[in-house]
Amino acid sequence: MDAFTSFFDSQSRNIWSYDTLKNFRQISPIVQTHLKQVYLTLCCALIASAVGAYLHILWNIGGYLTTFACLGTIIWLLSTPPCEEQKRVSLLMASAVFEGASIGPLIDLAIQIDPSVLVASFVGTALAFACFSGAAMLARRREYLYLGGLLSSGVSVLLWLHFASSIFGGSTALFMTEIYLGLLVFVGYMIVDTQDIIEKAHLGDLDYVKHALTLFTDFVAVFVRILIIMLKNSAEKSEKKKKRRD
């Protein structure tokens, strides 16, 4: 996590420097209004996802069915024309509920082991999201878009790692390598997707529902990986305490 932490710190310094703050003038008022819509919709989607996770804790509904339902509603949303705004927003909220239910087992496990880990993971994800999205907004236009190719290569590596672990049997080291690499990749996508949304908005693409879906996917991907890492660290600490007592 050292590379991630140093990158996070560098982006934080860039956000608060005067030169980068001047770059915010490059974003037109129309695009700024669009970004407000995107982030407001994203917040609503996160709330809907939390409802989905809560429903899983109550009724144990999370699993393959909710995962397929999430994918189905996303495909339905993307195939719906932008003029049907209310329907698309409803589909986004439905997909967020299904996504929350799908990761509900992991959240339930975190609550059983240490509820503070769940809170810390969400706060850490939110801070990282705010920092990297802010860095993308305040940077020069298109500055980070070149990272898209590298991140696509990173996703390909993740797929091969997952494929190899499913065939040859995954060790804990291979699994954690996949988790850490995935964390770095999706943190990078936070920056690239934010700048991509800004560029599309400048070109007239003001589809805030689709853009909110993109950022929601990034947020959940980072949150899940941070939660897994913190759960592993918490389990290792509890094991060490048991050994000391013995």
C-alpha atoms as a PDB file:
ATOM      1  CA  MET A   1       0.000   0.000   0.000  1.00  0.00           C
ATOM      2  CA  ASP A   2       2.997   2.335   0.125  1.00  0.00           C
ATOM      3  CA  ALA A   3       2.717   3.228  -3.566  1.00  0.00           C
ATOM      4  CA  PHE A   4      -1.001   3.868  -3.157  1.00  0.00           C
ATOM      5  CA  THR A   5      -0.422   6.054  -0.090  1.00  0.00           C
ATOM      6  CA  SER A   6       2.306   8.127  -1.729  1.00  0.00           C
ATOM      7  CA  PHE A   7       0.172   8.621  -4.844  1.00  0.00           C
ATOM      8  CA  PHE A   8      -2.769   9.632  -2.637  1.00  0.00           C
ATOM      9  CA  ASP A   9      -0.623  12.177  -0.792  1.00  0.00           C
ATOM     10  CA  SER A  10       0.735  13.645  -4.027  1.00  0.00           C
ATOM     11  CA  GLN A  11      -2.775  14.091  -5.412  1.00  0.00           C
ATOM     12  CA  SER A  12      -3.878  15.754  -2.160  1.00  0.00           C
ATOM     13  CA  ARG A  13      -1.060  18.281  -2.465  1.00  0.00           C
ATOM     14  CA  ASN A  14      -1.956  18.936  -6.094  1.00  0.00           C
ATOM     15  CA  ILE A  15      -5.595  19.662  -5.215  1.00  0.00           C
ATOM     16  CA  TRP A  16      -4.718  22.378  -2.714  1.00  0.00           C
ATOM     17  CA  SER A  17      -2.072  24.156  -4.758  1.00  0.00           C
ATOM     18  CA  TYR A  18      -3.024  27.524  -6.257  1.00  0.00           C
ATOM     19  CA  ASP A  19      -1.973  26.607  -9.785  1.00  0.00           C
ATOM     20  CA  THR A  20      -4.278  23.608  -9.913  1.00  0.00           C
ATOM     21  CA  LEU A  21      -7.176  25.560  -8.441  1.00  0.00           C
ATOM     22  CA  LYS A  22      -6.908  27.942 -11.394  1.00  0.00           C
ATOM     23  CA  ASN A  23      -7.501  24.981 -13.717  1.00  0.00           C
ATOM     24  CA  PHE A  24     -11.057  24.704 -12.383  1.00  0.00           C
ATOM     25  CA  ARG A  25     -11.874  27.713 -14.569  1.00  0.00           C
ATOM     26  CA  GLN A  26     -11.527  25.441 -17.573  1.00  0.00           C
ATOM     27  CA  ILE A  27     -14.809  23.760 -16.588  1.00  0.00           C
ATOM     28  CA  SER A  28     -17.737  25.697 -17.996  1.00  0.00           C
ATOM     29  CA  PRO A  29     -20.859  26.442 -15.886  1.00  0.00           C
ATOM     30  CA  ILE A  30     -22.867  23.897 -17.904  1.00  0.00           C
ATOM     31  CA  VAL A  31     -20.320  21.177 -17.160  1.00  0.00           C
ATOM     32  CA  GLN A  32     -20.201  22.176 -13.484  1.00  0.00           C
ATOM     33  CA  THR A  33     -23.993  21.837 -13.276  1.00  0.00           C
ATOM     34  CA  HIS A  34     -23.724  18.470 -14.985  1.00  0.00           C
ATOM     35  CA  LEU A  35     -21.120  17.292 -12.464  1.00  0.00           C
ATOM     36  CA  LYS A  36     -23.401  18.328  -9.604  1.00  0.00           C
ATOM     37  CA  GLN A  37     -26.151  16.170 -11.115  1.00  0.00           C
ATOM     38  CA  VAL A  38     -23.754  13.278 -11.545  1.00  0.00           C
ATOM     39  CA  TYR A  39     -22.500  13.352  -7.954  1.00  0.00           C
ATOM     40  CA  LEU A  40     -25.981  13.857  -6.512  1.00  0.00           C
ATOM     41  CA  THR A  41     -27.186  10.830  -8.469  1.00  0.00           C
ATOM     42  CA  LEU A  42     -24.114   8.909  -7.304  1.00  0.00           C
ATOM     43  CA  CYS A  43     -24.941   9.679  -3.658  1.00  0.00           C
ATOM     44  CA  CYS A  44     -28.504   8.426  -4.186  1.00  0.00           C
ATOM     45  CA  ALA A  45     -27.128   5.245  -5.782  1.00  0.00           C
ATOM     46  CA  LEU A  46     -24.829   4.661  -2.799  1.00  0.00           C
ATOM     47  CA  ILE A  47     -27.776   5.056  -0.426  1.00  0.00           C
ATOM     48  CA  ALA A  48     -29.761   2.563  -2.533  1.00  0.00           C
ATOM     49  CA  SER A  49     -26.795   0.186  -2.397  1.00  0.00           C
ATOM     50  CA  ALA A  50     -26.724   0.467   1.395  1.00  0.00           C
ATOM     51  CA  VAL A  51     -30.443  -0.416   1.418  1.00  0.00           C
ATOM     52  CA  GLY A  52     -29.675  -3.494  -0.686  1.00  0.00           C
ATOM     53  CA  ALA A  53     -26.967  -4.591   1.758  1.00  0.00           C
ATOM     54  CA  TYR A  54     -29.376  -4.077   4.670  1.00  0.00           C
ATOM     55  CA  LEU A  55     -32.011  -6.192   2.915  1.00  0.00           C
ATOM     56  CA  HIS A  56     -29.458  -8.975   2.596  1.00  0.00           C
ATOM     57  CA  ILE A  57     -28.683  -8.810   6.311  1.00  0.00           C
ATOM     58  CA  LEU A  58     -32.426  -9.059   7.063  1.00  0.00           C
ATOM     59  CA  TRP A  59     -33.458 -11.727   4.556  1.00  0.00           C
ATOM     60  CA  ASN A  60     -30.213 -13.182   3.142  1.00  0.00           C
ATOM     61  CA  ILE A  61     -31.124 -12.333  -0.461  1.00  0.00           C
ATOM     62  CA  GLY A  62     -27.617 -11.634  -1.797  1.00  0.00           C
ATOM     63  CA  GLY A  63     -26.030 -14.096  -4.200  1.00  0.00           C
ATOM     64  CA  TYR A  64     -25.843 -15.055  -7.861  1.00  0.00           C
ATOM     65  CA  LEU A  65     -29.456 -14.027  -8.526  1.00  0.00           C
ATOM     66  CA  THR A  66     -28.905 -10.460  -7.327  1.00  0.00           C
ATOM     67  CA  THR A  67     -25.639 -10.289  -9.280  1.00  0.00           C
ATOM     68  CA  PHE A  68     -27.373 -11.318 -12.502  1.00  0.00           C
ATOM     69  CA  ALA A  69     -30.245  -8.962 -11.688  1.00  0.00           C
ATOM     70  CA  CYS A  70     -27.737  -6.126 -11.270  1.00  0.00           C
ATOM     71  CA  LEU A  71     -26.138  -6.886 -14.641  1.00  0.00           C
ATOM     72  CA  GLY A  72     -29.572  -7.157 -16.251  1.00  0.00           C
ATOM     73  CA  THR A  73     -30.759  -3.788 -14.970  1.00  0.00           C
ATOM     74  CA  ILE A  74     -27.502  -2.151 -16.062  1.00  0.00           C
ATOM     75  CA  ILE A  75     -27.903  -3.543 -19.591  1.00  0.00           C
ATOM     76  CA  TRP A  76     -31.532  -2.415 -19.564  1.00  0.00           C
ATOM     77  CA  LEU A  77     -30.446   1.065 -18.436  1.00  0.00           C
ATOM     78  CA  LEU A  78     -27.785   1.374 -21.140  1.00  0.00           C
ATOM     79  CA  SER A  79     -30.250   0.261 -23.829  1.00  0.00           C
ATOM     80  CA  THR A  80     -32.884   2.784 -22.713  1.00  0.00           C
ATOM     81  CA  PRO A  81     -32.811   6.100 -24.633  1.00  0.00           C
ATOM     82  CA  PRO A  82     -31.743   9.174 -22.610  1.00  0.00           C
ATOM     83  CA  CYS A  83     -35.132  10.819 -23.170  1.00  0.00           C
ATOM     84  CA  GLU A  84     -36.697   8.349 -20.699  1.00  0.00           C
ATOM     85  CA  GLU A  85     -34.916   9.994 -17.787  1.00  0.00           C
ATOM     86  CA  GLN A  86     -37.166   8.844 -14.944  1.00  0.00           C
ATOM     87  CA  LYS A  87     -37.051   5.219 -16.083  1.00  0.00           C
ATOM     88  CA  ARG A  88     -33.261   5.286 -16.356  1.00  0.00           C
ATOM     89  CA  VAL A  89     -32.876   6.782 -12.874  1.00  0.00           C
ATOM     90  CA  SER A  90     -35.161   4.065 -11.488  1.00  0.00           C
ATOM     91  CA  LEU A  91     -33.092   1.398 -13.245  1.00  0.00           C
ATOM     92  CA  LEU A  92     -29.910   2.873 -11.797  1.00  0.00           C
ATOM     93  CA  MET A  93     -31.359   2.773  -8.283  1.00  0.00           C
ATOM     94  CA  ALA A  94     -32.552  -0.810  -8.836  1.00  0.00           C
ATOM     95  CA  SER A  95     -29.110  -1.889 -10.034  1.00  0.00           C
ATOM     96  CA  ALA A  96     -27.575  -0.188  -6.976  1.00  0.00           C
ATOM     97  CA  VAL A  97     -29.929  -2.105  -4.661  1.00  0.00           C
ATOM     98  CA  PHE A  98     -29.015  -5.393  -6.355  1.00  0.00           C
ATOM     99  CA  GLU A  99     -25.313  -4.504  -6.176  1.00  0.00           C
ATOM    100  CA  GLY A 100     -25.615  -3.770  -2.468  1.00  0.00           C
ATOM    101  CA  ALA A 101     -27.360  -7.104  -1.920  1.00  0.00           C
ATOM    102  CA  SER A 102     -24.643  -8.877  -3.945  1.00  0.00           C
ATOM    103  CA  ILE A 103     -21.866  -7.579  -1.686  1.00  0.00           C
ATOM    104  CA  GLY A 104     -24.119  -8.047   1.345  1.00  0.00           C
ATOM    105  CA  PRO A 105     -22.403 -11.307   2.428  1.00  0.00           C
ATOM    106  CA  LEU A 106     -19.057  -9.503   2.612  1.00  0.00           C
ATOM    107  CA  ILE A 107     -20.590  -6.640   4.565  1.00  0.00           C
ATOM    108  CA  ASP A 108     -22.328  -9.094   6.905  1.00  0.00           C
ATOM    109  CA  LEU A 109     -18.997 -10.821   7.508  1.00  0.00           C
ATOM    110  CA  ALA A 110     -17.368  -7.474   8.300  1.00  0.00           C
ATOM    111  CA  ILE A 111     -20.111  -6.672  10.820  1.00  0.00           C
ATOM    112  CA  GLN A 112     -19.595 -10.023  12.546  1.00  0.00           C
ATOM    113  CA  ILE A 113     -15.801  -9.650  12.702  1.00  0.00           C
ATOM    114  CA  ASP A 114     -15.401  -5.938  13.432  1.00  0.00           C
ATOM    115  CA  PRO A 115     -18.035  -3.291  12.525  1.00  0.00           C
ATOM    116  CA  SER A 116     -15.431  -0.531  12.750  1.00  0.00           C
ATOM    117  CA  VAL A 117     -13.647  -2.052   9.731  1.00  0.00           C
ATOM    118  CA  LEU A 118     -16.770  -1.496   7.630  1.00  0.00           C
ATOM    119  CA  VAL A 119     -16.987   2.160   8.643  1.00  0.00           C
ATOM    120  CA  ALA A 120     -13.263   2.722   8.099  1.00  0.00           C
ATOM    121  CA  SER A 121     -13.420   1.092   4.661  1.00  0.00           C
ATOM    122  CA  PHE A 122     -16.307   3.289   3.539  1.00  0.00           C
ATOM    123  CA  VAL A 123     -14.722   6.469   4.893  1.00  0.00           C
ATOM    124  CA  GLY A 124     -11.385   5.565   3.274  1.00  0.00           C
ATOM    125  CA  THR A 125     -13.081   4.896  -0.056  1.00  0.00           C
ATOM    126  CA  ALA A 126     -15.026   8.159   0.136  1.00  0.00           C
ATOM    127  CA  LEU A 127     -11.871  10.148   0.928  1.00  0.00           C
ATOM    128  CA  ALA A 128      -9.943   8.483  -1.885  1.00  0.00           C
ATOM    129  CA  PHE A 129     -12.816   9.077  -4.289  1.00  0.00           C
ATOM    130  CA  ALA A 130     -13.072  12.759  -3.325  1.00  0.00           C
ATOM    131  CA  CYS A 131      -9.303  13.240  -3.568  1.00  0.00           C
ATOM    132  CA  PHE A 132      -8.763  11.556  -6.932  1.00  0.00           C
ATOM    133  CA  SER A 133     -11.926  12.969  -8.504  1.00  0.00           C
ATOM    134  CA  GLY A 134     -10.887  16.429  -7.324  1.00  0.00           C
ATOM    135  CA  ALA A 135      -7.411  15.891  -8.770  1.00  0.00           C
ATOM    136  CA  ALA A 136      -8.974  14.943 -12.121  1.00  0.00           C
ATOM    137  CA  MET A 137     -11.185  18.052 -12.112  1.00  0.00           C
ATOM    138  CA  LEU A 138      -8.396  20.441 -11.182  1.00  0.00           C
ATOM    139  CA  ALA A 139      -5.761  18.952 -13.492  1.00  0.00           C
ATOM    140  CA  ARG A 140      -5.242  20.143 -17.037  1.00  0.00           C
ATOM    141  CA  ARG A 141      -7.831  18.808 -19.444  1.00  0.00           C
ATOM    142  CA  ARG A 142      -7.076  15.338 -20.826  1.00  0.00           C
ATOM    143  CA  GLU A 143      -3.965  15.116 -18.595  1.00  0.00           C
ATOM    144  CA  TYR A 144      -4.863  11.693 -17.189  1.00  0.00           C
ATOM    145  CA  LEU A 145      -6.772  10.195 -20.119  1.00  0.00           C
ATOM    146  CA  TYR A 146      -3.603   8.509 -21.386  1.00  0.00           C
ATOM    147  CA  LEU A 147      -3.814   6.228 -18.346  1.00  0.00           C
ATOM    148  CA  GLY A 148      -6.822   4.514 -19.895  1.00  0.00           C
ATOM    149  CA  GLY A 149      -4.674   2.184 -21.975  1.00  0.00           C
ATOM    150  CA  LEU A 150      -2.525   1.208 -19.000  1.00  0.00           C
ATOM    151  CA  LEU A 151      -5.592   0.563 -16.861  1.00  0.00           C
ATOM    152  CA  SER A 152      -7.146  -1.592 -19.574  1.00  0.00           C
ATOM    153  CA  SER A 153      -3.955  -3.654 -19.536  1.00  0.00           C
ATOM    154  CA  GLY A 154      -4.277  -3.885 -15.756  1.00  0.00           C
ATOM    155  CA  VAL A 155      -7.830  -5.223 -16.104  1.00  0.00           C
ATOM    156  CA  SER A 156      -6.553  -7.842 -18.561  1.00  0.00           C
ATOM    157  CA  VAL A 157      -3.927  -8.923 -16.028  1.00  0.00           C
ATOM    158  CA  LEU A 158      -6.627  -9.171 -13.350  1.00  0.00           C
ATOM    159  CA  LEU A 159      -8.743 -11.380 -15.604  1.00  0.00           C
ATOM    160  CA  TRP A 160      -5.784 -13.674 -16.290  1.00  0.00           C
ATOM    161  CA  LEU A 161      -4.970 -13.878 -12.574  1.00  0.00           C
ATOM    162  CA  HIS A 162      -8.555 -14.771 -11.774  1.00  0.00           C
ATOM    163  CA  PHE A 163      -8.616 -17.316 -14.587  1.00  0.00           C
ATOM    164  CA  ALA A 164      -5.372 -18.890 -13.395  1.00  0.00           C
ATOM    165  CA  SER A 165      -6.512 -19.064  -9.772  1.00  0.00           C
ATOM    166  CA  SER A 166      -9.803 -20.701 -10.754  1.00  0.00           C
ATOM    167  CA  ILE A 167      -8.025 -23.397 -12.802  1.00  0.00           C
ATOM    168  CA  PHE A 168      -4.862 -24.107 -10.807  1.00  0.00           C
ATOM    169  CA  GLY A 169      -6.228 -23.293  -7.391  1.00  0.00           C
ATOM    170  CA  GLY A 170      -5.664 -19.883  -5.892  1.00  0.00           C
ATOM    171  CA  SER A 171      -3.336 -19.347  -2.977  1.00  0.00           C
ATOM    172  CA  THR A 172      -3.795 -16.565  -0.447  1.00  0.00           C
ATOM    173  CA  ALA A 173      -0.791 -14.704  -1.899  1.00  0.00           C
ATOM    174  CA  LEU A 174      -2.234 -14.841  -5.423  1.00  0.00           C
ATOM    175  CA  PHE A 175      -5.631 -13.698  -4.170  1.00  0.00           C
ATOM    176  CA  MET A 176      -4.168 -10.739  -2.281  1.00  0.00           C
ATOM    177  CA  THR A 177      -2.035  -9.813  -5.308  1.00  0.00           C
ATOM    178  CA  GLU A 178      -5.229  -9.690  -7.331  1.00  0.00           C
ATOM    179  CA  ILE A 179      -6.895  -7.549  -4.656  1.00  0.00           C
ATOM    180  CA  TYR A 180      -4.057  -5.013  -4.388  1.00  0.00           C
ATOM    181  CA  LEU A 181      -3.623  -4.770  -8.157  1.00  0.00           C
ATOM    182  CA  GLY A 182      -7.368  -4.364  -8.571  1.00  0.00           C
ATOM    183  CA  LEU A 183      -7.355  -1.585  -5.979  1.00  0.00           C
ATOM    184  CA  LEU A 184      -4.676   0.354  -7.869  1.00  0.00           C
ATOM    185  CA  VAL A 185      -6.448  -0.203 -11.194  1.00  0.00           C
ATOM    186  CA  PHE A 186      -9.850   1.019 -10.033  1.00  0.00           C
ATOM    187  CA  VAL A 187      -8.379   3.974  -8.160  1.00  0.00           C
ATOM    188  CA  GLY A 188      -6.825   4.911 -11.491  1.00  0.00           C
ATOM    189  CA  TYR A 189     -10.204   4.546 -13.146  1.00  0.00           C
ATOM    190  CA  MET A 190     -11.602   7.070 -10.661  1.00  0.00           C
ATOM    191  CA  ILE A 191      -9.295   9.682 -12.180  1.00  0.00           C
ATOM    192  CA  VAL A 192      -9.644   8.619 -15.809  1.00  0.00           C
ATOM    193  CA  ASP A 193     -13.438   8.261 -15.696  1.00  0.00           C
ATOM    194  CA  THR A 194     -13.834  11.663 -14.032  1.00  0.00           C
ATOM    195  CA  GLN A 195     -11.806  13.373 -16.739  1.00  0.00           C
ATOM    196  CA  ASP A 196     -13.591  11.353 -19.418  1.00  0.00           C
ATOM    197  CA  ILE A 197     -16.960  12.514 -18.055  1.00  0.00           C
ATOM    198  CA  ILE A 198     -15.767  16.129 -18.089  1.00  0.00           C
ATOM    199  CA  GLU A 199     -14.549  15.833 -21.680  1.00  0.00           C
ATOM    200  CA  LYS A 200     -17.791  14.204 -22.822  1.00  0.00           C
ATOM    201  CA  ALA A 201     -19.771  16.951 -21.089  1.00  0.00           C
ATOM    202  CA  HIS A 202     -17.710  19.603 -22.888  1.00  0.00           C
ATOM    203  CA  LEU A 203     -18.609  17.840 -26.155  1.00  0.00           C
ATOM    204  CA  GLY A 204     -22.323  17.889 -25.321  1.00  0.00           C
ATOM    205  CA  ASP A 205     -22.813  14.472 -23.704  1.00  0.00           C
ATOM    206  CA  LEU A 206     -24.795  15.357 -20.560  1.00  0.00           C
ATOM    207  CA  ASP A 207     -26.081  11.869 -19.762  1.00  0.00           C
ATOM    208  CA  TYR A 208     -25.710  12.176 -16.001  1.00  0.00           C
ATOM    209  CA  VAL A 209     -27.336   8.804 -15.278  1.00  0.00           C
ATOM    210  CA  LYS A 210     -24.790   6.883 -17.350  1.00  0.00           C
ATOM    211  CA  HIS A 211     -21.919   8.909 -15.913  1.00  0.00           C
ATOM    212  CA  ALA A 212     -23.150   8.311 -12.347  1.00  0.00           C
ATOM    213  CA  LEU A 213     -23.288   4.585 -13.118  1.00  0.00           C
ATOM    214  CA  THR A 214     -19.646   4.688 -14.217  1.00  0.00           C
ATOM    215  CA  LEU A 215     -18.504   6.369 -11.001  1.00  0.00           C
ATOM    216  CA  PHE A 216     -20.719   4.099  -8.888  1.00  0.00           C
ATOM    217  CA  THR A 217     -19.017   1.053 -10.400  1.00  0.00           C
ATOM    218  CA  ASP A 218     -15.593   2.514  -9.584  1.00  0.00           C
ATOM    219  CA  PHE A 219     -16.630   3.367  -6.029  1.00  0.00           C
ATOM    220  CA  VAL A 220     -17.976  -0.114  -5.256  1.00  0.00           C
ATOM    221  CA  ALA A 221     -14.937  -1.811  -6.814  1.00  0.00           C
ATOM    222  CA  VAL A 222     -12.558   0.208  -4.615  1.00  0.00           C
ATOM    223  CA  PHE A 223     -14.720  -0.190  -1.507  1.00  0.00           C
ATOM    224  CA  VAL A 224     -14.881  -3.990  -1.801  1.00  0.00           C
ATOM    225  CA  ARG A 225     -11.105  -4.289  -2.171  1.00  0.00           C
ATOM    226  CA  ILE A 226     -10.323  -1.936   0.707  1.00  0.00           C
ATOM    227  CA  LEU A 227     -12.801  -3.851   2.878  1.00  0.00           C
ATOM    228  CA  ILE A 228     -11.183  -7.202   2.034  1.00  0.00           C
ATOM    229  CA  ILE A 229      -7.715  -5.843   2.818  1.00  0.00           C
ATOM    230  CA  MET A 230      -8.839  -4.388   6.150  1.00  0.00           C
ATOM    231  CA  LEU A 231     -10.683  -7.592   7.079  1.00  0.00           C
ATOM    232  CA  LYS A 232      -7.539  -9.616   6.398  1.00  0.00           C
ATOM    233  CA  ASN A 233      -5.461  -7.251   8.525  1.00  0.00           C
ATOM    234  CA  SER A 234      -8.040  -7.390  11.315  1.00  0.00           C
ATOM    235  CA  ALA A 235      -8.066 -11.205  11.218  1.00  0.00           C
ATOM    236  CA  GLU A 236      -4.267 -11.337  11.382  1.00  0.00           C
ATOM    237  CA  LYS A 237      -4.233  -8.985  14.381  1.00  0.00           C
ATOM    238  CA  SER A 238      -6.819 -11.093  16.211  1.00  0.00           C
ATOM    239  CA  GLU A 239      -4.780 -14.243  15.551  1.00  0.00           C
ATOM    240  CA  LYS A 240      -1.644 -12.607  16.943  1.00  0.00           C
ATOM    241  CA  LYS A 241      -3.547 -11.583  20.084  1.00  0.00           C
ATOM    242  CA  LYS A 242      -4.773 -15.154  20.558  1.00  0.00           C
ATOM    243  CA  LYS A 243      -1.249 -16.510  20.219  1.00  0.00           C
ATOM    244  CA  ARG A 244       0.034 -14.044  22.815  1.00  0.00           C
ATOM    245  CA  ARG A 245      -2.683 -15.090  25.231  1.00  0.00           C
ATOM    246  CA  ASP A 246      -1.868 -18.752  24.717  1.00  0.00           C
END
